[in-house]
Amino acid sequence: MTKHIDIIIVGGGVIGSSIAYNLLNDGYEGEIIVFEKDRIYEYSSTPRSAGGIRQLFTTSVNILMGKFGIETYRSFPEKMAIDGERAEIDFEQAGYLFLAKNDTEMKHLEQQMVLQHSHGVMSELLDKSSLLSIIPELTIDDLAGGLFSKEDGYLDPYSVMQGYAKKAKQLGAQYVFDEVDTILTDRNGVQGIRTYSGDIYHAPLVINCAGPWAAGLSEKINLPIPVVPLKRQIIQFDIAKPLARKLPLTVDPTGVYFRHEGETIISGFSEEVKPGIDFTWKRSFFTEQLWPVLADRVPNFEQAKIKSGWAGMYSYNTVDQNAIIGEHPELNGYYLACGFSGHGMQQGPAIGKGMSELIRTGKYETIDLTPLRFERFNEKDLVIEGAVV
């Protein structure tokens, strides 16, 4: 089968679906097809994420994207409603909290706060005793303080993805559940894609939103990108003694993070792993790496019972751990939206809006995403983010 369309999006997770929605919502009148190989999204990165949404970054572009994400998700249920049915995403603005163990780390947090304030993000630098007003049970003996943003929080990633996809479909996007084998090109640029089932779809513009599989797809057309898949495990557990308050998503100085998930707790950590697709999770990850840190930080976590666990994939940018956005300089019509290194859910709204603007008008309008261009690698103009969890 051969078909001619206007835009092909490879990957139907939150990034691809946000781009499709924003294009059509902003008035794009062409035909858009989103290819997603996983019909039930069982191994998609989006529903396997921790769902954290924050503005606590150290670079302007990431702060602005986080701020845009917060604003979008606040009104998401109403804006994405279909036939009066709200698109609920369980967005809880319980806050985001980075803990610091010494004065040096506190100075770094203070520098971050100044930049965040310049962009209208009202983060707060807290001394160690003030941390107890956020988490009364917190062990603070070895801490110097922390940085807190009350507007931040967490949500249900799967519901966000479905909300974008359903609204994109309502606006006219087509979803094809088939795996893209390769991107078709000629001397003039992109010509379309071929699926593993042998179908050919012609289009002058292809957007690679394939997450952990993005680099492999790009490699097939001899345009390597510095992205590898890294496994990230999340463990959900119950505790015997409930906490007094709803937790912010809290990042310990060790890198271990934790937050509420309903009445349970979820926790994770960016462990050292070899690149590769791997969805296995192990109870030993909790008992050996997470639980010792958790029990020291919050005494209520000493009596913990694992309820479940899962593993998802970070699309890890090996150069500067930030997204790669925009048209590839070596191939007309080939656009990238990948390499988010764990920030795809929170940056999805801004990326969708930015890509819509770039494709429709030739420039960014809402947020300047130029710092995330592919060319920055050769230009040695990297985006160094100091708050990667």
Protein backbone atom coordinates (compact mmCIF):
# COMPACT_ATOMS: atom_id res chain seq x y z
CA MET A 1 0.00 0.00 0.00
CA THR A 2 1.18 3.52 -0.83
CA LYS A 3 -0.33 6.70 0.59
CA HIS A 4 0.46 10.42 0.33
CA ILE A 5 0.09 12.66 3.40
CA ASP A 6 1.55 15.90 4.78
CA ILE A 7 3.21 15.09 8.11
CA ILE A 8 4.29 11.79 9.63
CA ILE A 9 5.00 11.54 13.35
CA VAL A 10 6.90 8.45 14.48
CA GLY A 11 5.95 7.70 18.08
CA GLY A 12 2.52 8.20 19.64
CA GLY A 13 3.54 8.85 23.25
CA VAL A 14 3.13 12.18 24.99
CA ILE A 15 5.62 14.00 22.72
CA GLY A 16 4.24 12.78 19.40
CA SER A 17 0.63 13.20 20.50
CA SER A 18 1.28 16.69 21.88
CA ILE A 19 2.84 17.74 18.57
CA ALA A 20 -0.10 16.33 16.60
CA TYR A 21 -2.62 18.04 18.88
CA ASN A 22 -0.85 21.40 18.87
CA LEU A 23 -0.44 21.46 15.09
CA LEU A 24 -4.13 20.83 14.50
CA ASN A 25 -5.31 23.00 17.36
CA ASP A 26 -3.19 25.87 16.03
CA GLY A 27 -4.85 25.69 12.63
CA TYR A 28 -2.68 23.34 10.57
CA GLU A 29 -4.90 21.99 7.79
CA GLY A 30 -2.72 19.23 6.38
CA GLU A 31 -3.09 15.49 6.96
CA ILE A 32 -1.17 14.07 9.93
CA ILE A 33 -0.52 10.40 10.66
CA VAL A 34 1.01 9.26 13.95
CA PHE A 35 2.72 5.86 13.86
CA GLU A 36 2.82 3.93 17.13
CA LYS A 37 4.13 0.38 17.22
CA ASP A 38 2.72 -0.46 20.66
CA ARG A 39 -1.07 -0.50 20.34
CA ILE A 40 -1.69 -0.73 24.10
CA TYR A 41 1.33 1.39 25.04
CA GLU A 42 2.60 -1.44 27.25
CA TYR A 43 6.24 -0.49 26.78
CA SER A 44 5.85 3.18 25.96
CA SER A 45 8.07 5.45 28.04
CA THR A 46 5.20 7.80 28.93
CA PRO A 47 3.05 5.56 31.20
CA ARG A 48 6.19 4.10 32.81
CA SER A 49 7.47 7.47 34.02
CA ALA A 50 7.21 8.82 37.57
CA GLY A 51 4.97 11.65 36.38
CA GLY A 52 6.89 14.47 38.05
CA ILE A 53 6.23 18.01 36.81
CA ARG A 54 8.63 20.75 37.87
CA GLN A 55 10.06 24.18 37.21
CA LEU A 56 13.14 23.59 39.38
CA PHE A 57 15.78 23.59 36.67
CA THR A 58 19.09 25.40 36.27
CA THR A 59 18.75 26.54 32.64
CA SER A 60 16.34 29.12 31.26
CA VAL A 61 14.93 26.95 28.48
CA ASN A 62 14.10 24.11 30.88
CA ILE A 63 12.58 26.46 33.45
CA LEU A 64 10.36 28.04 30.81
CA MET A 65 9.27 24.65 29.49
CA GLY A 66 8.50 23.50 33.02
CA LYS A 67 6.46 26.64 33.66
CA PHE A 68 4.52 26.15 30.43
CA GLY A 69 3.88 22.53 31.42
CA ILE A 70 2.46 23.53 34.80
CA GLU A 71 0.15 26.08 33.18
CA THR A 72 -1.00 23.54 30.59
CA TYR A 73 -1.68 20.73 33.03
CA ARG A 74 -3.68 22.97 35.36
CA SER A 75 -6.31 23.46 32.66
CA PHE A 76 -5.77 20.15 30.85
CA PRO A 77 -9.02 18.44 31.96
CA GLU A 78 -11.14 21.26 30.53
CA LYS A 79 -9.14 21.96 27.36
CA MET A 80 -8.90 18.30 26.39
CA ALA A 81 -12.51 17.49 27.19
CA ILE A 82 -14.42 15.64 24.48
CA ASP A 83 -18.20 15.87 24.31
CA GLY A 84 -18.27 17.33 27.81
CA GLU A 85 -16.16 14.54 29.34
CA ARG A 86 -13.19 16.02 31.17
CA ALA A 87 -9.73 14.57 30.53
CA GLU A 88 -8.75 13.97 34.15
CA ILE A 89 -5.02 13.56 34.78
CA ASP A 90 -4.90 13.58 38.61
CA PHE A 91 -2.52 16.53 38.72
CA GLU A 92 -1.52 17.08 42.34
CA GLN A 93 0.38 20.27 43.02
CA ALA A 94 1.98 18.84 46.13
CA GLY A 95 5.26 20.52 45.27
CA TYR A 96 8.79 19.53 44.33
CA LEU A 97 11.62 19.52 46.86
CA PHE A 98 15.37 19.19 46.31
CA LEU A 99 17.31 18.49 49.52
CA ALA A 100 20.86 19.73 50.13
CA LYS A 101 23.41 18.24 52.51
CA ASN A 102 25.92 21.12 52.89
CA ASP A 103 26.53 24.83 52.34
CA THR A 104 28.03 24.27 48.89
CA GLU A 105 24.88 22.55 47.68
CA MET A 106 22.77 25.28 49.27
CA LYS A 107 24.71 27.94 47.34
CA HIS A 108 23.99 26.06 44.13
CA LEU A 109 20.30 25.90 45.00
CA GLU A 110 20.30 29.61 45.77
CA GLN A 111 21.80 30.36 42.36
CA GLN A 112 19.10 28.23 40.76
CA MET A 113 16.43 30.07 42.74
CA VAL A 114 17.63 33.46 41.48
CA LEU A 115 17.36 32.30 37.87
CA GLN A 116 13.97 30.70 38.51
CA HIS A 117 12.67 33.93 40.09
CA SER A 118 13.79 35.86 37.01
CA HIS A 119 11.38 33.72 35.00
CA GLY A 120 8.48 34.15 37.43
CA VAL A 121 8.92 30.83 39.24
CA MET A 122 8.49 31.49 42.96
CA SER A 123 10.71 28.76 44.36
CA GLU A 124 11.71 28.97 48.02
CA LEU A 125 15.07 28.32 49.67
CA LEU A 126 14.42 26.58 52.98
CA ASP A 127 16.73 26.10 55.96
CA LYS A 128 16.82 22.67 57.57
CA SER A 129 14.22 23.41 60.24
CA SER A 130 11.79 24.79 57.65
CA LEU A 131 11.90 21.47 55.81
CA LEU A 132 9.80 20.03 58.63
CA SER A 133 6.91 22.29 57.64
CA ILE A 134 6.83 20.40 54.33
CA ILE A 135 7.59 16.86 55.60
CA PRO A 136 7.23 16.71 59.41
CA GLU A 137 8.76 13.23 59.59
CA LEU A 138 11.92 14.14 57.66
CA THR A 139 15.32 13.37 59.19
CA ILE A 140 17.24 16.63 58.89
CA ASP A 141 20.38 16.01 61.00
CA ASP A 142 22.59 15.65 57.92
CA LEU A 143 20.85 18.30 55.81
CA ALA A 144 21.52 22.00 55.30
CA GLY A 145 18.17 22.82 53.69
CA GLY A 146 16.43 22.57 50.35
CA LEU A 147 14.74 24.23 47.40
CA PHE A 148 10.95 23.98 47.18
CA SER A 149 8.36 24.91 44.55
CA LYS A 150 4.78 24.59 45.71
CA GLU A 151 3.35 24.92 42.19
CA ASP A 152 5.07 21.75 41.00
CA GLY A 153 3.90 18.21 41.61
CA TYR A 154 2.96 15.02 39.80
CA LEU A 155 0.23 13.50 37.68
CA ASP A 156 -0.90 10.36 35.87
CA PRO A 157 1.28 10.12 32.73
CA TYR A 158 -0.94 7.59 30.95
CA SER A 159 -3.98 9.86 31.27
CA VAL A 160 -2.03 12.80 29.85
CA MET A 161 -0.91 10.75 26.87
CA GLN A 162 -4.44 9.49 26.23
CA GLY A 163 -5.84 13.00 26.63
CA TYR A 164 -3.52 14.37 23.94
CA ALA A 165 -4.09 11.40 21.62
CA LYS A 166 -7.88 11.46 21.87
CA LYS A 167 -8.03 15.21 21.28
CA ALA A 168 -5.61 14.95 18.35
CA LYS A 169 -7.84 12.28 16.81
CA GLN A 170 -10.91 14.45 17.34
CA LEU A 171 -9.14 17.25 15.48
CA GLY A 172 -8.31 14.95 12.57
CA ALA A 173 -5.05 13.14 13.31
CA GLN A 174 -4.87 9.50 12.26
CA TYR A 175 -3.12 6.89 14.41
CA VAL A 176 -1.65 3.86 12.66
CA PHE A 177 -0.49 1.06 14.94
CA ASP A 178 2.40 -0.25 12.92
CA GLU A 179 6.17 -0.06 13.35
CA VAL A 180 8.21 2.20 11.10
CA ASP A 181 11.12 0.34 9.52
CA THR A 182 12.91 3.31 7.97
CA ILE A 183 12.58 6.87 6.77
CA LEU A 184 12.62 7.30 3.00
CA THR A 185 14.85 10.00 1.54
CA ASP A 186 16.24 11.31 -1.71
CA ARG A 187 18.63 14.13 -2.61
CA ASN A 188 15.91 16.71 -1.90
CA GLY A 189 15.17 15.49 1.62
CA VAL A 190 12.56 13.36 3.36
CA GLN A 191 10.14 11.42 1.16
CA GLY A 192 8.20 9.46 3.79
CA ILE A 193 8.48 6.16 5.67
CA ARG A 194 8.23 2.44 5.13
CA THR A 195 6.72 0.18 7.77
CA TYR A 196 7.86 -3.31 8.66
CA SER A 197 4.70 -4.62 7.04
CA GLY A 198 5.90 -3.11 3.74
CA ASP A 199 3.48 -0.19 3.45
CA ILE A 200 4.87 3.07 2.13
CA TYR A 201 3.62 6.48 3.22
CA HIS A 202 4.91 9.49 1.31
CA ALA A 203 5.31 12.79 3.15
CA PRO A 204 7.68 15.76 2.90
CA LEU A 205 8.03 16.01 6.68
CA VAL A 206 8.78 13.29 9.24
CA ILE A 207 9.15 13.93 12.97
CA ASN A 208 11.17 11.40 14.96
CA CYS A 209 9.51 11.10 18.40
CA ALA A 210 10.43 7.46 18.83
CA GLY A 211 11.88 7.85 22.32
CA PRO A 212 14.29 5.01 23.17
CA TRP A 213 14.08 3.82 19.56
CA ALA A 214 14.75 7.26 18.02
CA ALA A 215 18.50 6.76 17.64
CA GLY A 216 18.07 3.43 15.86
CA LEU A 217 15.66 4.96 13.39
CA SER A 218 18.01 7.85 12.68
CA GLU A 219 20.99 5.53 12.35
CA LYS A 220 19.26 3.76 9.46
CA ILE A 221 19.48 6.93 7.37
CA ASN A 222 23.09 7.56 8.43
CA LEU A 223 22.23 10.48 10.71
CA PRO A 224 23.34 9.31 14.16
CA ILE A 225 22.07 11.16 17.20
CA PRO A 226 23.63 10.98 20.70
CA VAL A 227 20.73 9.18 22.40
CA VAL A 228 20.75 5.78 24.10
CA PRO A 229 18.03 3.90 26.02
CA LEU A 230 18.70 3.54 29.75
CA LYS A 231 16.58 1.49 32.11
CA ARG A 232 15.01 3.30 35.08
CA GLN A 233 13.23 1.27 37.78
CA ILE A 234 10.38 2.51 39.98
CA ILE A 235 9.19 0.68 43.09
CA GLN A 236 5.79 1.15 44.70
CA PHE A 237 5.48 0.29 48.39
CA ASP A 238 3.19 0.53 51.40
CA ILE A 239 4.23 1.80 54.83
CA ALA A 240 2.86 0.75 58.21
CA LYS A 241 2.55 4.27 59.64
CA PRO A 242 1.03 6.88 57.27
CA LEU A 243 2.65 10.27 56.83
CA ALA A 244 0.98 13.37 58.22
CA ARG A 245 0.89 15.19 54.88
CA LYS A 246 0.93 14.53 51.16
CA LEU A 247 4.54 14.35 49.99
CA PRO A 248 6.03 16.66 47.41
CA LEU A 249 8.16 14.83 44.90
CA THR A 250 11.31 14.86 47.00
CA VAL A 251 14.85 14.37 45.72
CA ASP A 252 17.37 13.26 48.33
CA PRO A 253 21.02 14.40 48.01
CA THR A 254 21.83 10.80 47.01
CA GLY A 255 19.55 11.13 43.97
CA VAL A 256 16.87 8.82 45.38
CA TYR A 257 13.43 10.37 44.89
CA PHE A 258 10.07 9.57 46.43
CA ARG A 259 6.47 10.76 46.31
CA HIS A 260 2.97 9.65 47.12
CA GLU A 261 1.02 7.51 44.66
CA GLY A 262 -2.46 7.47 46.18
CA GLU A 263 -1.97 6.05 49.66
CA THR A 264 1.25 4.28 48.67
CA ILE A 265 4.75 5.62 47.95
CA ILE A 266 6.79 5.31 44.77
CA SER A 267 10.55 5.72 44.60
CA GLY A 268 13.37 5.48 42.11
CA PHE A 269 16.99 6.31 41.42
CA SER A 270 19.15 6.75 38.32
CA GLU A 271 21.33 3.70 38.77
CA GLU A 272 24.35 2.95 36.60
CA VAL A 273 23.21 0.62 33.81
CA LYS A 274 24.42 -0.36 30.38
CA PRO A 275 22.49 1.14 27.46
CA GLY A 276 19.82 -1.11 26.02
CA ILE A 277 16.12 -1.94 26.03
CA ASP A 278 15.35 -3.77 29.27
CA PHE A 279 11.99 -3.72 31.06
CA THR A 280 12.82 -6.06 33.92
CA TRP A 281 12.69 -4.84 37.50
CA LYS A 282 14.09 -6.44 40.65
CA ARG A 283 13.05 -6.36 44.28
CA SER A 284 16.74 -6.18 45.16
CA PHE A 285 16.83 -2.71 43.61
CA PHE A 286 14.60 -1.59 46.46
CA THR A 287 16.18 -3.56 49.29
CA GLU A 288 19.79 -2.80 48.33
CA GLN A 289 19.68 0.71 46.83
CA LEU A 290 16.46 2.52 47.71
CA TRP A 291 15.34 1.29 51.11
CA PRO A 292 18.55 2.10 53.06
CA VAL A 293 18.36 5.74 51.88
CA LEU A 294 14.59 5.99 52.35
CA ALA A 295 14.62 4.55 55.86
CA ASP A 296 17.35 6.95 56.93
CA ARG A 297 15.54 9.94 55.48
CA VAL A 298 12.00 9.20 56.72
CA PRO A 299 11.60 6.85 59.72
CA ASN A 300 8.12 5.86 58.52
CA PHE A 301 9.79 4.17 55.55
CA GLU A 302 11.61 1.69 57.81
CA GLN A 303 8.57 -0.60 57.77
CA ALA A 304 7.91 -0.88 54.07
CA LYS A 305 6.29 -3.57 51.96
CA ILE A 306 6.81 -3.70 48.20
CA LYS A 307 3.51 -3.59 46.37
CA SER A 308 4.73 -3.54 42.76
CA GLY A 309 7.44 -2.26 40.48
CA TRP A 310 8.20 -1.52 36.87
CA ALA A 311 10.95 -0.33 34.57
CA GLY A 312 10.81 2.26 31.83
CA MET A 313 13.30 3.74 29.41
CA TYR A 314 15.07 7.08 29.59
CA SER A 315 15.92 8.37 26.11
CA TYR A 316 19.26 9.54 27.40
CA ASN A 317 21.17 12.28 25.61
CA THR A 318 24.77 11.23 26.21
CA VAL A 319 26.23 14.69 25.51
CA ASP A 320 24.27 17.17 27.65
CA GLN A 321 21.19 15.26 28.89
CA ASN A 322 18.73 17.64 27.24
CA ALA A 323 16.15 17.34 24.48
CA ILE A 324 17.06 17.55 20.79
CA ILE A 325 14.45 19.63 19.01
CA GLY A 326 13.95 20.93 15.47
CA GLU A 327 14.91 20.15 11.89
CA HIS A 328 18.06 18.15 11.27
CA PRO A 329 20.59 20.37 9.46
CA GLU A 330 21.59 17.62 7.03
CA LEU A 331 18.18 16.48 5.80
CA ASN A 332 15.31 18.70 4.70
CA GLY A 333 12.02 17.72 6.28
CA TYR A 334 13.54 15.53 9.00
CA TYR A 335 12.60 16.82 12.44
CA LEU A 336 13.71 15.58 15.85
CA ALA A 337 11.92 15.60 19.19
CA CYS A 338 13.86 13.14 21.32
CA GLY A 339 16.63 12.73 23.90
CA PHE A 340 14.58 14.08 26.81
CA SER A 341 16.57 12.14 29.41
CA GLY A 342 13.55 11.66 31.66
CA HIS A 343 11.88 15.06 31.12
CA GLY A 344 9.50 14.21 28.28
CA MET A 345 6.30 14.22 30.31
CA GLN A 346 6.92 17.61 31.87
CA GLN A 347 8.23 19.17 28.66
CA GLY A 348 5.64 17.62 26.35
CA PRO A 349 3.29 20.63 26.31
CA ALA A 350 6.05 23.11 25.45
CA ILE A 351 7.60 20.83 22.84
CA GLY A 352 4.23 20.30 21.15
CA LYS A 353 3.59 24.03 21.02
CA GLY A 354 7.11 24.86 19.87
CA MET A 355 7.18 22.26 17.11
CA SER A 356 3.79 23.44 15.90
CA GLU A 357 5.09 26.99 15.65
CA LEU A 358 8.33 25.96 13.95
CA ILE A 359 6.58 23.82 11.33
CA ARG A 360 3.73 26.25 10.63
CA THR A 361 5.58 29.58 10.80
CA GLY A 362 9.26 28.74 10.56
CA LYS A 363 10.10 30.12 14.00
CA TYR A 364 9.48 29.64 17.70
CA GLU A 365 7.07 32.11 19.29
CA THR A 366 5.96 31.00 22.75
CA ILE A 367 9.34 29.72 24.01
CA ASP A 368 12.61 29.96 22.10
CA LEU A 369 13.70 26.33 21.79
CA THR A 370 16.70 27.21 19.62
CA PRO A 371 19.15 26.22 22.41
CA LEU A 372 17.94 22.62 21.93
CA ARG A 373 18.81 22.48 18.21
CA PHE A 374 20.86 19.54 16.92
CA GLU A 375 23.59 21.89 15.68
CA ARG A 376 24.61 22.75 19.25
CA PHE A 377 26.73 19.60 19.44
CA ASN A 378 29.06 20.63 16.61
CA GLU A 379 28.93 24.26 17.70
CA LYS A 380 29.99 23.29 21.25
CA ASP A 381 27.06 25.34 22.52
CA LEU A 382 25.71 22.76 24.94
CA VAL A 383 22.82 23.16 27.36
CA ILE A 384 24.27 22.05 30.69
CA GLU A 385 21.44 21.27 33.11
CA GLY A 386 22.47 20.88 36.75
CA ALA A 387 19.21 19.39 38.01
CA VAL A 388 18.90 16.05 36.23
CA VAL A 389 17.29 13.40 38.43
